[in-house]
């Protein structure tokens, strides 16, 4: 799980030639990406769940809210979104005149895929008086059907901004929705969607691990299931989890979210121990998003060099979906 870096190579006597070669290749790719990026007035926005080498080369690194805010403020001509498809779509909606690139166009999202636009439109039509709040992890078509978008960082603030007299539809994440119902006291109509990564954590294995490391605090992302959240010492978005481990006095943590976040946690707090929460699948000791990991440094290089794959949305969809994002950004 620990990322490979130049410092570790200099100090180790047991590294394979392939490890050194890979680091050298990555270093050359990184240098070329930085050169091309400067020539083309491009900017790289990367999510915390990306691989360490992509995190290290990003101009801006953060959660979905932060990346949306950065996309709304950048003066770059080209935005490379090192994340997943809905994030690149969001950047395009915010910047329709800019070129938006995604290193791997197949980098989707299981949560977004759990909410097909046609089915969701029929669902929304059953509640004509409801305010539709969509979690940013959804397709542009879902945002177009929504009154306001939220992220895990600002979801409570968004829900609390809606008059109590109004009905609320929350989509697509039922787990985040249940958490928000508990936190805000609001009744909400939930779409039945979920993130496969955050649903994969094993309650039984986490309890066993916590007994093995009694001094470790258990922290979790609110996309996790309710039983997981009930035993957490702290619940928060990726940025909130990062802030927490820097200010909390504990020296060890069991972390229930996508394992890419551990890279930054170890950078911020090198003397602390971070243990990925176990999942149900016996063949894997940690939870990784296969979609997030489709992006690689090589694909990022080819992407910025060839200015492809490019994310394009039709003007009508951009216009219909932008209002919900603008409302979120205004509140945030």
Protein backbone atom coordinates (compact mmCIF):
# COMPACT_ATOMS: atom_id res chain seq x y z
CA UNK A 1 0.00 0.00 0.00
CA UNK A 2 2.87 2.42 0.67
CA UNK A 3 3.80 4.48 -2.37
CA UNK A 4 7.20 4.14 -3.99
CA UNK A 5 9.34 7.28 -3.97
CA UNK A 6 12.88 8.37 -4.73
CA UNK A 7 13.79 8.53 -1.05
CA UNK A 8 12.83 4.92 -0.48
CA UNK A 9 14.91 3.77 -3.45
CA UNK A 10 18.04 5.49 -2.20
CA UNK A 11 17.71 3.87 1.21
CA UNK A 12 16.79 0.33 0.13
CA UNK A 13 19.16 -2.47 -0.81
CA UNK A 14 16.42 -4.88 -1.88
CA UNK A 15 14.62 -3.10 -4.68
CA UNK A 16 14.17 -4.88 -7.98
CA UNK A 17 15.51 -3.43 -11.22
CA UNK A 18 11.92 -3.20 -12.47
CA UNK A 19 11.03 -0.90 -9.55
CA UNK A 20 13.89 1.46 -10.34
CA UNK A 21 13.07 1.37 -14.05
CA UNK A 22 9.40 2.14 -13.37
CA UNK A 23 10.31 5.10 -11.18
CA UNK A 24 12.64 6.43 -13.87
CA UNK A 25 9.95 6.07 -16.53
CA UNK A 26 7.39 7.79 -14.31
CA UNK A 27 9.81 10.61 -13.60
CA UNK A 28 10.37 11.17 -17.33
CA UNK A 29 6.64 11.07 -18.02
CA UNK A 30 5.98 13.50 -15.21
CA UNK A 31 8.58 15.93 -16.58
CA UNK A 32 7.06 15.74 -20.06
CA UNK A 33 3.54 16.25 -18.71
CA UNK A 34 4.65 19.35 -16.82
CA UNK A 35 6.39 20.73 -19.93
CA UNK A 36 3.43 20.15 -22.23
CA UNK A 37 1.01 21.44 -19.63
CA UNK A 38 2.86 24.74 -19.43
CA UNK A 39 3.06 25.09 -23.23
CA UNK A 40 -0.66 24.47 -23.65
CA UNK A 41 -1.85 26.52 -20.66
CA UNK A 42 -3.44 23.39 -19.19
CA UNK A 43 -4.29 22.55 -15.60
CA UNK A 44 -4.54 19.12 -13.93
CA UNK A 45 -7.30 18.58 -11.38
CA UNK A 46 -6.99 15.26 -9.53
CA UNK A 47 -9.12 13.47 -6.98
CA UNK A 48 -7.70 11.99 -3.78
CA UNK A 49 -8.55 8.49 -5.05
CA UNK A 50 -6.10 8.69 -7.94
CA UNK A 51 -2.78 6.81 -7.87
CA UNK A 52 0.06 8.49 -5.90
CA UNK A 53 2.04 9.44 -9.02
CA UNK A 54 -0.98 11.31 -10.43
CA UNK A 55 -1.68 12.98 -7.10
CA UNK A 56 1.91 14.23 -7.03
CA UNK A 57 1.71 15.87 -10.45
CA UNK A 58 -1.67 17.57 -10.00
CA UNK A 59 -2.02 21.35 -9.89
CA UNK A 60 -5.04 20.97 -7.64
CA UNK A 61 -5.80 17.88 -5.56
CA UNK A 62 -9.01 17.46 -3.61
CA UNK A 63 -12.51 16.09 -3.22
CA UNK A 64 -15.42 16.63 -5.62
CA UNK A 65 -16.42 19.99 -4.12
CA UNK A 66 -12.91 21.39 -4.26
CA UNK A 67 -12.39 20.21 -7.85
CA UNK A 68 -15.69 21.81 -8.90
CA UNK A 69 -14.63 25.06 -7.21
CA UNK A 70 -11.24 24.95 -8.94
CA UNK A 71 -12.89 24.29 -12.30
CA UNK A 72 -15.08 27.35 -11.81
CA UNK A 73 -12.09 29.63 -11.15
CA UNK A 74 -9.32 28.44 -13.48
CA UNK A 75 -7.99 30.59 -16.32
CA UNK A 76 -6.49 27.58 -18.10
CA UNK A 77 -7.51 26.80 -21.68
CA UNK A 78 -7.46 23.04 -21.06
CA UNK A 79 -8.60 21.15 -17.96
CA UNK A 80 -7.40 17.58 -17.47
CA UNK A 81 -9.67 15.93 -14.94
CA UNK A 82 -7.82 13.02 -13.35
CA UNK A 83 -10.83 11.39 -11.79
CA UNK A 84 -13.97 9.83 -13.21
CA UNK A 85 -16.46 10.73 -15.92
CA UNK A 86 -19.03 12.64 -13.86
CA UNK A 87 -16.25 14.91 -12.54
CA UNK A 88 -15.12 15.73 -16.08
CA UNK A 89 -18.75 16.38 -17.05
CA UNK A 90 -19.10 18.78 -14.12
CA UNK A 91 -16.00 20.66 -15.26
CA UNK A 92 -17.47 20.92 -18.78
CA UNK A 93 -20.80 22.19 -17.46
CA UNK A 94 -18.98 24.89 -15.47
CA UNK A 95 -16.64 25.72 -18.39
CA UNK A 96 -18.51 25.02 -21.64
CA UNK A 97 -16.01 26.98 -23.75
CA UNK A 98 -12.93 25.16 -22.37
CA UNK A 99 -11.50 21.85 -23.53
CA UNK A 100 -12.05 19.19 -20.85
CA UNK A 101 -9.99 16.01 -21.02
CA UNK A 102 -10.24 12.70 -19.14
CA UNK A 103 -7.22 10.34 -19.29
CA UNK A 104 -9.44 7.26 -19.67
CA UNK A 105 -12.96 7.81 -21.02
CA UNK A 106 -14.01 4.47 -19.46
CA UNK A 107 -13.39 5.82 -15.96
CA UNK A 108 -17.00 5.73 -14.82
CA UNK A 109 -18.64 5.48 -11.40
CA UNK A 110 -20.72 2.64 -9.96
CA UNK A 111 -22.83 5.15 -8.01
CA UNK A 112 -23.58 7.25 -11.10
CA UNK A 113 -24.41 4.09 -13.04
CA UNK A 114 -26.93 3.08 -10.35
CA UNK A 115 -29.15 6.01 -11.40
CA UNK A 116 -30.22 5.76 -15.08
CA UNK A 117 -31.63 9.13 -16.24
CA UNK A 118 -34.79 7.68 -17.84
CA UNK A 119 -35.73 5.78 -14.68
CA UNK A 120 -34.88 8.71 -12.45
CA UNK A 121 -37.05 11.09 -14.49
CA UNK A 122 -40.02 8.76 -14.02
CA UNK A 123 -39.24 8.57 -10.29
CA UNK A 124 -39.08 12.37 -9.94
CA UNK A 125 -42.38 12.78 -11.82
CA UNK A 126 -44.10 10.89 -8.99
CA UNK A 127 -43.26 13.75 -6.62
CA UNK A 128 -43.93 16.98 -8.56
CA UNK A 129 -43.73 19.21 -5.47
CA UNK A 130 -40.40 17.85 -4.19
CA UNK A 131 -37.03 19.63 -4.27
CA UNK A 132 -34.55 17.33 -6.01
CA UNK A 133 -31.08 17.22 -4.45
CA UNK A 134 -28.54 15.19 -6.36
CA UNK A 135 -25.19 14.08 -5.02
CA UNK A 136 -22.52 15.26 -7.45
CA UNK A 137 -21.62 11.60 -8.18
CA UNK A 138 -24.19 11.38 -10.98
CA UNK A 139 -24.52 11.93 -14.71
CA UNK A 140 -25.16 15.36 -16.22
CA UNK A 141 -28.70 14.25 -17.11
CA UNK A 142 -29.43 13.69 -13.41
CA UNK A 143 -28.06 17.13 -12.53
CA UNK A 144 -30.38 18.57 -15.20
CA UNK A 145 -33.34 16.99 -13.38
CA UNK A 146 -32.20 18.42 -10.04
CA UNK A 147 -32.80 21.71 -8.26
CA UNK A 148 -29.44 21.65 -6.51
CA UNK A 149 -26.32 19.48 -6.37
CA UNK A 150 -24.33 18.63 -3.25
CA UNK A 151 -21.13 16.83 -2.29
CA UNK A 152 -20.35 14.90 0.87
CA UNK A 153 -18.52 18.02 2.10
CA UNK A 154 -21.50 20.35 1.87
CA UNK A 155 -24.50 17.98 1.87
CA UNK A 156 -25.77 18.95 5.34
CA UNK A 157 -25.49 22.64 4.47
CA UNK A 158 -27.42 22.10 1.24
CA UNK A 159 -30.20 20.10 2.94
CA UNK A 160 -30.49 22.67 5.74
CA UNK A 161 -30.85 25.45 3.17
CA UNK A 162 -34.15 23.98 1.95
CA UNK A 163 -37.31 25.15 3.73
CA UNK A 164 -38.68 22.54 6.11
CA UNK A 165 -42.06 22.75 4.43
CA UNK A 166 -40.61 21.28 1.23
CA UNK A 167 -40.37 17.60 0.35
CA UNK A 168 -36.89 16.46 -0.66
CA UNK A 169 -35.83 13.78 -3.11
CA UNK A 170 -32.22 12.76 -2.55
CA UNK A 171 -30.29 10.79 -5.16
CA UNK A 172 -28.47 8.69 -6.05
CA UNK A 173 -26.73 7.48 -2.84
CA UNK A 174 -29.14 5.89 -0.37
CA UNK A 175 -26.38 5.46 2.25
CA UNK A 176 -25.43 9.14 2.22
CA UNK A 177 -29.16 9.91 2.18
CA UNK A 178 -29.81 7.84 5.32
CA UNK A 179 -26.87 9.52 7.03
CA UNK A 180 -28.25 12.97 6.14
CA UNK A 181 -31.72 12.07 7.42
CA UNK A 182 -30.14 11.19 10.75
CA UNK A 183 -27.94 14.29 10.84
CA UNK A 184 -30.49 16.88 9.70
CA UNK A 185 -33.72 15.38 11.00
CA UNK A 186 -35.30 15.87 7.57
CA UNK A 187 -37.51 13.27 5.96
CA UNK A 188 -36.31 12.53 2.45
CA UNK A 189 -37.37 10.34 -0.44
CA UNK A 190 -34.32 8.29 -1.36
CA UNK A 191 -33.29 6.84 -4.70
CA UNK A 192 -31.97 3.28 -4.30
CA UNK A 193 -28.36 3.76 -5.45
CA UNK A 194 -24.98 3.07 -3.87
CA UNK A 195 -21.21 3.09 -4.39
CA UNK A 196 -19.87 -0.45 -4.74
CA UNK A 197 -16.57 0.53 -3.11
CA UNK A 198 -18.15 1.89 0.06
CA UNK A 199 -20.67 -0.95 0.26
CA UNK A 200 -17.87 -3.52 0.17
CA UNK A 201 -16.57 -2.94 3.72
CA UNK A 202 -17.04 -5.83 6.13
CA UNK A 203 -18.51 -4.89 9.51
CA UNK A 204 -17.34 -8.15 11.07
CA UNK A 205 -13.76 -7.76 9.80
CA UNK A 206 -13.62 -4.13 10.88
CA UNK A 207 -14.67 -5.08 14.41
CA UNK A 208 -12.03 -7.82 14.44
CA UNK A 209 -9.41 -5.36 13.23
CA UNK A 210 -10.47 -2.78 15.84
CA UNK A 211 -10.06 -5.41 18.57
CA UNK A 212 -6.59 -6.17 17.24
CA UNK A 213 -5.67 -2.47 17.30
CA UNK A 214 -7.64 -1.07 20.26
CA UNK A 215 -5.90 2.30 20.17
CA UNK A 216 -6.81 2.90 16.50
CA UNK A 217 -9.78 5.14 15.75
CA UNK A 218 -12.21 4.04 13.05
CA UNK A 219 -13.05 6.78 10.53
CA UNK A 220 -15.44 6.43 7.60
CA UNK A 221 -16.89 8.17 4.55
CA UNK A 222 -20.69 8.72 4.71
CA UNK A 223 -21.21 6.69 1.51
CA UNK A 224 -20.60 3.62 3.70
CA UNK A 225 -23.56 1.58 4.93
CA UNK A 226 -25.39 2.51 8.15
CA UNK A 227 -23.97 -0.38 10.28
CA UNK A 228 -20.44 0.73 9.35
CA UNK A 229 -21.18 4.37 10.20
CA UNK A 230 -22.73 3.43 13.53
CA UNK A 231 -19.39 2.18 14.88
CA UNK A 232 -17.27 5.00 13.43
CA UNK A 233 -15.42 7.42 15.71
CA UNK A 234 -15.61 10.04 12.97
CA UNK A 235 -17.62 10.35 9.74
CA UNK A 236 -16.70 12.77 6.97
CA UNK A 237 -15.91 13.49 3.34
CA UNK A 238 -12.43 12.78 2.03
CA UNK A 239 -11.30 16.32 2.86
CA UNK A 240 -12.91 16.10 6.31
CA UNK A 241 -11.14 12.80 6.99
CA UNK A 242 -7.83 14.41 6.01
CA UNK A 243 -8.45 17.36 8.30
CA UNK A 244 -9.46 15.09 11.16
CA UNK A 245 -6.32 12.95 11.19
CA UNK A 246 -4.18 16.09 11.27
CA UNK A 247 -5.90 17.60 14.30
CA UNK A 248 -6.84 14.47 16.24
CA UNK A 249 -4.46 13.22 18.95
CA UNK A 250 -4.59 9.51 18.04
CA UNK A 251 -1.62 7.83 16.37
CA UNK A 252 -3.44 5.16 14.37
CA UNK A 253 -6.60 4.93 12.28
CA UNK A 254 -8.67 2.34 10.44
CA UNK A 255 -9.91 4.12 7.32
CA UNK A 256 -13.14 3.18 5.52
CA UNK A 257 -13.01 4.89 2.15
CA UNK A 258 -11.20 4.36 -1.15
CA UNK A 259 -7.58 3.48 -0.35
CA UNK A 260 -6.11 6.23 -2.55
CA UNK A 261 -6.65 8.69 0.32
CA UNK A 262 -3.99 6.90 2.38
CA UNK A 263 -1.24 8.44 0.26
CA UNK A 264 -2.09 11.96 1.42
CA UNK A 265 -2.74 10.82 4.98
CA UNK A 266 0.74 9.34 5.18
CA UNK A 267 2.23 12.50 3.68
CA UNK A 268 0.44 14.78 6.13
CA UNK A 269 1.06 12.59 9.18
CA UNK A 270 4.14 10.39 8.47
CA UNK A 271 4.46 9.34 12.10
CA UNK A 272 0.90 8.03 12.27
CA UNK A 273 -0.37 4.62 11.14
CA UNK A 274 -3.23 4.25 8.65
CA UNK A 275 -4.89 0.88 8.11
CA UNK A 276 -7.31 0.35 5.20
CA UNK A 277 -10.65 -1.02 6.36
CA UNK A 278 -11.13 -4.63 5.20
CA UNK A 279 -13.75 -5.66 2.67
CA UNK A 280 -15.90 -8.76 2.28
CA UNK A 281 -13.91 -10.10 -0.68
CA UNK A 282 -11.22 -12.46 0.63
CA UNK A 283 -8.99 -11.79 -2.38
CA UNK A 284 -8.52 -8.11 -1.48
CA UNK A 285 -7.34 -6.53 1.78
CA UNK A 286 -8.40 -3.00 0.89
CA UNK A 287 -11.01 -1.15 -1.10
CA UNK A 288 -9.99 0.35 -4.44
CA UNK A 289 -12.17 1.95 -7.09
CA UNK A 290 -11.35 0.17 -10.33
CA UNK A 291 -12.69 3.13 -12.29
CA UNK A 292 -10.45 5.64 -10.52
CA UNK A 293 -7.43 3.46 -11.08
CA UNK A 294 -8.04 3.26 -14.85
CA UNK A 295 -6.21 6.57 -15.09
CA UNK A 296 -2.43 6.14 -15.22
CA UNK A 297 0.50 8.50 -15.67
CA UNK A 298 1.04 7.15 -19.20
CA UNK A 299 -2.61 7.78 -20.11
CA UNK A 300 -2.37 11.25 -18.61
CA UNK A 301 0.68 11.94 -20.79
CA UNK A 302 -1.06 10.74 -23.96
CA UNK A 303 -4.16 12.65 -22.99
CA UNK A 304 -2.44 16.01 -22.66
CA UNK A 305 -0.21 15.36 -25.69
CA UNK A 306 -3.08 14.43 -28.04
CA UNK A 307 -5.76 16.51 -26.27
CA UNK A 308 -7.95 13.43 -26.16
CA UNK A 309 -10.26 11.88 -24.92
CA UNK A 310 -12.28 15.08 -24.79
CA UNK A 311 -15.56 15.43 -22.87
CA UNK A 312 -18.32 17.06 -24.92
CA UNK A 313 -21.90 17.77 -23.89
CA UNK A 314 -24.64 19.34 -25.97
CA UNK A 315 -25.49 22.96 -25.22
CA UNK A 316 -29.02 22.21 -24.04
CA UNK A 317 -27.82 19.66 -21.46
CA UNK A 318 -25.17 22.07 -20.21
CA UNK A 319 -27.75 24.84 -19.78
CA UNK A 320 -30.22 22.56 -17.97
CA UNK A 321 -27.65 21.09 -15.60
CA UNK A 322 -25.63 24.22 -14.81
CA UNK A 323 -28.25 25.84 -12.56
CA UNK A 324 -28.12 23.03 -9.99
CA UNK A 325 -24.32 23.24 -9.81
CA UNK A 326 -24.35 27.05 -9.60
CA UNK A 327 -26.73 26.87 -6.63
CA UNK A 328 -24.36 24.50 -4.85
CA UNK A 329 -21.33 26.69 -5.53
CA UNK A 330 -23.20 29.75 -4.27
CA UNK A 331 -24.02 28.01 -0.98
CA UNK A 332 -20.46 26.66 -0.64
